[in-house]
């Protein structure tokens, strides 16, 4: 489960954003569950994506003089 209090471990569900906009447009509540995030409003990043981001950051800040491919 992506925790919104943790930095960069997930993002807001775009399908839920559209549902919120539609709910405001019709002035009521939509009882349709989201099939993308199970109606949590957050989508988790994959483990590989998190590792890639951290490795990229470490290469830029800890090993700037070495080039990686």
N, C-alpha and C. Protein backbone atom coordinates (compact mmCIF):
# COMPACT_ATOMS: atom_id res chain seq x y z
N UNK A 1 0.84 -1.18 0.00
CA UNK A 1 0.00 0.00 0.00
C UNK A 1 0.88 1.24 0.00
N UNK A 2 0.75 2.11 -0.96
CA UNK A 2 1.53 3.33 -0.97
C UNK A 2 1.05 4.31 0.09
N UNK A 3 1.93 4.69 0.95
CA UNK A 3 1.61 5.59 2.05
C UNK A 3 1.85 7.02 1.62
N UNK A 4 0.84 7.89 1.67
CA UNK A 4 1.05 9.27 1.23
C UNK A 4 2.00 10.06 2.12
N UNK A 5 2.29 9.57 3.34
CA UNK A 5 3.21 10.28 4.22
C UNK A 5 4.66 9.97 3.89
N UNK A 6 4.92 8.91 3.14
CA UNK A 6 6.28 8.58 2.72
C UNK A 6 6.58 9.26 1.39
N UNK A 7 7.77 9.81 1.29
CA UNK A 7 8.15 10.58 0.11
C UNK A 7 8.45 9.65 -1.07
N UNK A 8 7.80 9.88 -2.18
CA UNK A 8 8.07 9.21 -3.46
C UNK A 8 7.88 7.70 -3.45
N UNK A 9 6.88 7.18 -2.74
CA UNK A 9 6.63 5.74 -2.85
C UNK A 9 5.34 5.45 -3.59
N UNK A 10 4.72 6.48 -4.15
CA UNK A 10 3.49 6.28 -4.91
C UNK A 10 3.02 7.60 -5.48
N UNK A 11 1.91 7.56 -6.18
CA UNK A 11 1.34 8.77 -6.75
C UNK A 11 -0.17 8.68 -6.70
N UNK A 12 -0.81 9.82 -6.87
CA UNK A 12 -2.26 9.86 -6.83
C UNK A 12 -2.84 9.14 -8.04
N UNK A 13 -3.92 8.45 -7.83
CA UNK A 13 -4.57 7.67 -8.89
C UNK A 13 -5.26 8.61 -9.87
N UNK A 14 -4.89 8.56 -11.16
CA UNK A 14 -5.54 9.44 -12.13
C UNK A 14 -7.01 9.10 -12.35
N UNK A 15 -7.37 7.83 -12.23
CA UNK A 15 -8.77 7.44 -12.39
C UNK A 15 -9.62 8.02 -11.26
N UNK A 16 -9.10 8.04 -10.05
CA UNK A 16 -9.83 8.63 -8.93
C UNK A 16 -9.95 10.13 -9.08
N UNK A 17 -8.93 10.77 -9.67
CA UNK A 17 -9.00 12.20 -9.94
C UNK A 17 -10.16 12.50 -10.89
N UNK A 18 -10.30 11.69 -11.92
CA UNK A 18 -11.41 11.87 -12.86
C UNK A 18 -12.75 11.64 -12.17
N UNK A 19 -12.79 10.65 -11.29
CA UNK A 19 -14.03 10.38 -10.56
C UNK A 19 -14.40 11.54 -9.66
N UNK A 20 -13.39 12.16 -9.02
CA UNK A 20 -13.65 13.31 -8.16
C UNK A 20 -14.19 14.48 -8.97
N UNK A 21 -13.60 14.71 -10.15
CA UNK A 21 -14.09 15.78 -11.01
C UNK A 21 -15.53 15.52 -11.45
N UNK A 22 -15.84 14.29 -11.80
CA UNK A 22 -17.20 13.94 -12.22
C UNK A 22 -18.18 14.08 -11.06
N UNK A 23 -17.74 13.71 -9.87
CA UNK A 23 -18.60 13.82 -8.69
C UNK A 23 -18.95 15.29 -8.43
N UNK A 24 -17.97 16.18 -8.59
CA UNK A 24 -18.24 17.60 -8.40
C UNK A 24 -19.17 18.13 -9.49
N UNK A 25 -19.03 17.60 -10.71
CA UNK A 25 -19.85 18.06 -11.82
C UNK A 25 -21.31 17.68 -11.68
N UNK A 26 -21.56 16.48 -11.11
CA UNK A 26 -22.96 16.05 -10.97
C UNK A 26 -23.51 16.37 -9.59
N UNK A 27 -22.64 16.80 -8.69
CA UNK A 27 -23.09 17.22 -7.37
C UNK A 27 -23.50 16.09 -6.45
N UNK A 28 -22.99 14.91 -6.67
CA UNK A 28 -23.37 13.78 -5.82
C UNK A 28 -22.21 12.84 -5.58
N UNK A 29 -22.54 11.69 -5.05
CA UNK A 29 -21.53 10.70 -4.71
C UNK A 29 -21.57 9.58 -5.75
N UNK A 30 -20.39 9.15 -6.19
CA UNK A 30 -20.30 8.02 -7.11
C UNK A 30 -19.94 6.78 -6.31
N UNK A 31 -20.74 5.76 -6.40
CA UNK A 31 -20.47 4.52 -5.67
C UNK A 31 -19.83 3.47 -6.56
N UNK A 32 -19.04 3.92 -7.51
CA UNK A 32 -18.35 3.00 -8.41
C UNK A 32 -16.93 2.81 -7.89
N UNK A 33 -16.54 1.57 -7.56
CA UNK A 33 -15.18 1.36 -7.06
C UNK A 33 -14.14 1.52 -8.18
N UNK A 34 -12.99 2.01 -7.81
CA UNK A 34 -11.90 2.19 -8.77
C UNK A 34 -11.20 0.86 -8.98
N UNK A 35 -11.03 0.46 -10.23
CA UNK A 35 -10.37 -0.81 -10.50
C UNK A 35 -8.86 -0.65 -10.67
N UNK A 36 -8.37 0.58 -10.57
CA UNK A 36 -6.93 0.81 -10.72
C UNK A 36 -6.22 0.79 -9.37
N UNK A 37 -6.86 1.34 -8.35
CA UNK A 37 -6.20 1.45 -7.05
C UNK A 37 -7.03 0.86 -5.91
N UNK A 38 -8.12 0.17 -6.21
CA UNK A 38 -9.03 -0.38 -5.20
C UNK A 38 -9.62 0.72 -4.33
N UNK A 39 -9.83 1.89 -4.90
CA UNK A 39 -10.44 3.04 -4.24
C UNK A 39 -9.64 3.58 -3.07
N UNK A 40 -8.32 3.38 -3.08
CA UNK A 40 -7.47 3.95 -2.04
C UNK A 40 -7.03 5.36 -2.42
N UNK A 41 -7.03 5.67 -3.71
CA UNK A 41 -6.61 6.99 -4.18
C UNK A 41 -5.12 7.10 -4.43
N UNK A 42 -4.36 6.03 -4.17
CA UNK A 42 -2.92 6.04 -4.38
C UNK A 42 -2.51 4.79 -5.14
N UNK A 43 -1.50 4.94 -6.00
CA UNK A 43 -0.94 3.81 -6.74
C UNK A 43 0.53 3.70 -6.35
N UNK A 44 0.94 2.51 -6.00
CA UNK A 44 2.32 2.27 -5.56
C UNK A 44 3.27 2.23 -6.75
N UNK A 45 4.47 2.69 -6.54
CA UNK A 45 5.52 2.54 -7.54
C UNK A 45 6.09 1.13 -7.41
N UNK A 46 6.56 0.59 -8.51
CA UNK A 46 7.17 -0.74 -8.44
C UNK A 46 8.50 -0.66 -7.70
N UNK A 47 8.90 -1.78 -7.15
CA UNK A 47 10.17 -1.84 -6.43
C UNK A 47 11.32 -1.47 -7.36
N UNK A 48 11.28 -1.95 -8.59
CA UNK A 48 12.33 -1.64 -9.55
C UNK A 48 12.41 -0.14 -9.84
N UNK A 49 11.29 0.52 -9.92
CA UNK A 49 11.26 1.96 -10.17
C UNK A 49 11.89 2.72 -8.99
N UNK A 50 11.57 2.32 -7.78
CA UNK A 50 12.14 2.97 -6.59
C UNK A 50 13.65 2.76 -6.54
N UNK A 51 14.11 1.54 -6.81
CA UNK A 51 15.55 1.25 -6.80
C UNK A 51 16.26 2.05 -7.89
N UNK A 52 15.68 2.10 -9.08
CA UNK A 52 16.30 2.87 -10.18
C UNK A 52 16.44 4.34 -9.82
N UNK A 53 15.41 4.91 -9.20
CA UNK A 53 15.47 6.32 -8.79
C UNK A 53 16.56 6.55 -7.76
N UNK A 54 16.69 5.65 -6.80
CA UNK A 54 17.70 5.82 -5.76
C UNK A 54 19.12 5.63 -6.32
N UNK A 55 19.28 4.69 -7.22
CA UNK A 55 20.60 4.49 -7.84
C UNK A 55 20.97 5.72 -8.68
N UNK A 56 20.02 6.26 -9.42
CA UNK A 56 20.29 7.47 -10.22
C UNK A 56 20.69 8.62 -9.31
N UNK A 57 19.98 8.79 -8.20
CA UNK A 57 20.30 9.86 -7.26
C UNK A 57 21.68 9.65 -6.66
N UNK A 58 22.02 8.42 -6.27
CA UNK A 58 23.33 8.13 -5.69
C UNK A 58 24.45 8.39 -6.70
N UNK A 59 24.23 8.06 -7.95
CA UNK A 59 25.25 8.32 -8.98
C UNK A 59 25.50 9.81 -9.13
N UNK A 60 24.46 10.61 -9.04
CA UNK A 60 24.61 12.05 -9.20
C UNK A 60 25.27 12.70 -7.99
N UNK A 61 25.00 12.21 -6.78
CA UNK A 61 25.45 12.89 -5.57
C UNK A 61 26.66 12.25 -4.89
N UNK A 62 26.84 10.95 -5.02
CA UNK A 62 27.95 10.29 -4.34
C UNK A 62 29.11 9.98 -5.25
N UNK A 63 28.83 9.68 -6.51
CA UNK A 63 29.87 9.31 -7.43
C UNK A 63 29.82 10.16 -8.69
N UNK A 64 29.91 11.48 -8.58
CA UNK A 64 29.74 12.33 -9.77
C UNK A 64 30.90 12.26 -10.76
N UNK A 65 32.11 11.89 -10.33
CA UNK A 65 33.23 11.90 -11.24
C UNK A 65 33.31 10.63 -12.09
N UNK A 66 32.60 9.60 -11.70
CA UNK A 66 32.62 8.34 -12.46
C UNK A 66 31.43 8.33 -13.41
N UNK A 67 31.66 7.88 -14.64
CA UNK A 67 30.56 7.81 -15.61
C UNK A 67 30.02 6.38 -15.65
N UNK A 68 28.72 6.27 -15.70
CA UNK A 68 28.05 4.98 -15.74
C UNK A 68 27.23 4.89 -17.01
N UNK A 69 27.07 3.70 -17.50
CA UNK A 69 26.23 3.51 -18.70
C UNK A 69 25.07 2.64 -18.38
